[in-house]
Amino acid sequence: MDDVKKTYREGEQATKEGWRKADGTEDLADAVGNAGDEIRKDLGNTGDDLRKGAQEGGDDAKAAWRRSDGDESLADKAGNAGDDIRRELGQR
């Protein structure tokens, strides 16, 4: 899902930039608008990347906690399997 959002953001930013250049000139308002769009795109993509990293780290920590008692019970195995499935599907 994050890849879809990233592609959308990049397309939206490029479209707006092209629209601003359509009149053949690029004034200060166009430059500021393009810079703002670029910043919003980069912040959105960075946020998605950070969220993905935090999610993966959280799943690893939960798996370690489940093994901490030295005996991985059926409930622990089911929890770890669920985390693995969510990670594979890219969902939380």
Protein backbone atom coordinates (compact mmCIF):
# COMPACT_ATOMS: atom_id res chain seq x y z
CA MET A 1 0.00 0.00 0.00
CA ASP A 2 2.88 2.36 0.77
CA ASP A 3 4.24 1.86 -2.77
CA VAL A 4 0.87 2.87 -4.21
CA LYS A 5 0.78 6.01 -2.05
CA LYS A 6 4.37 6.85 -3.02
CA THR A 7 3.58 6.48 -6.73
CA TYR A 8 0.47 8.64 -6.32
CA ARG A 9 2.42 11.36 -4.48
CA GLU A 10 5.13 11.45 -7.14
CA GLY A 11 2.56 11.61 -9.95
CA GLU A 12 0.59 14.34 -8.22
CA GLN A 13 3.72 16.43 -7.61
CA ALA A 14 4.91 16.04 -11.23
CA THR A 15 1.45 16.92 -12.58
CA LYS A 16 1.21 20.07 -10.51
CA GLU A 17 4.72 21.12 -11.54
CA GLY A 18 3.88 20.56 -15.20
CA TRP A 19 0.65 22.53 -14.84
CA ARG A 20 2.51 25.47 -13.32
CA LYS A 21 4.98 25.49 -16.24
CA ALA A 22 2.19 25.27 -18.84
CA ASP A 23 2.08 29.04 -19.35
CA GLY A 24 5.75 29.10 -20.37
CA THR A 25 7.00 31.06 -17.37
CA GLU A 26 7.91 30.11 -13.85
CA ASP A 27 7.39 32.95 -11.40
CA LEU A 28 8.06 33.02 -7.66
CA ALA A 29 4.62 31.63 -6.81
CA ASP A 30 5.25 28.65 -9.10
CA ALA A 31 8.66 28.00 -7.54
CA VAL A 32 7.22 28.18 -4.01
CA GLY A 33 4.34 25.87 -4.98
CA ASN A 34 6.71 23.35 -6.53
CA ALA A 35 8.98 23.43 -3.47
CA GLY A 36 6.00 22.92 -1.14
CA ASP A 37 4.72 19.99 -3.19
CA GLU A 38 8.17 18.41 -3.21
CA ILE A 39 8.47 18.77 0.58
CA ARG A 40 5.00 17.25 1.17
CA LYS A 41 5.82 14.33 -1.14
CA ASP A 42 9.15 13.66 0.60
CA LEU A 43 7.64 13.91 4.09
CA GLY A 44 4.82 11.53 3.17
CA ASN A 45 7.23 8.98 1.73
CA THR A 46 9.56 9.30 4.74
CA GLY A 47 6.64 8.81 7.12
CA ASP A 48 5.63 5.63 5.30
CA ASP A 49 9.20 4.31 5.45
CA LEU A 50 9.50 5.06 9.18
CA ARG A 51 6.14 3.46 9.94
CA LYS A 52 7.16 0.32 8.04
CA GLY A 53 10.45 0.09 9.97
CA ALA A 54 8.72 0.57 13.31
CA GLN A 55 6.17 -2.10 12.47
CA GLU A 56 8.85 -4.64 11.58
CA GLY A 57 10.82 -3.85 14.75
CA GLY A 58 7.69 -4.20 16.87
CA ASP A 59 6.91 -7.61 15.41
CA ASP A 60 10.47 -8.81 16.14
CA ALA A 61 10.20 -7.56 19.73
CA LYS A 62 6.88 -9.37 20.22
CA ALA A 63 8.39 -12.61 18.91
CA ALA A 64 11.34 -12.29 21.33
CA TRP A 65 8.97 -11.61 24.23
CA ARG A 66 6.93 -14.69 23.36
CA ARG A 67 10.11 -16.82 23.50
CA SER A 68 11.37 -15.24 26.74
CA ASP A 69 9.80 -17.81 29.03
CA GLY A 70 11.85 -20.55 27.36
CA ASP A 71 8.79 -22.45 26.21
CA GLU A 72 7.09 -21.32 23.04
CA SER A 73 3.48 -22.31 23.58
CA LEU A 74 0.83 -22.83 20.93
CA ALA A 75 -0.49 -19.31 21.63
CA ASP A 76 3.02 -17.89 21.09
CA LYS A 77 3.38 -19.76 17.79
CA ALA A 78 -0.03 -18.54 16.63
CA GLY A 79 0.86 -14.94 17.54
CA ASN A 80 4.15 -15.14 15.69
CA ALA A 81 2.45 -16.68 12.66
CA GLY A 82 -0.11 -13.87 12.63
CA ASP A 83 2.65 -11.26 12.77
CA ASP A 84 4.45 -12.98 9.90
CA ILE A 85 1.29 -13.07 7.78
CA ARG A 86 0.57 -9.37 8.40
CA ARG A 87 4.15 -8.50 7.50
CA GLU A 88 3.93 -10.49 4.27
CA LEU A 89 0.66 -8.83 3.32
CA GLY A 90 2.00 -5.39 4.18
CA GLN A 91 -0.79 -4.72 6.67
CA ARG A 92 -0.90 -3.99 10.37
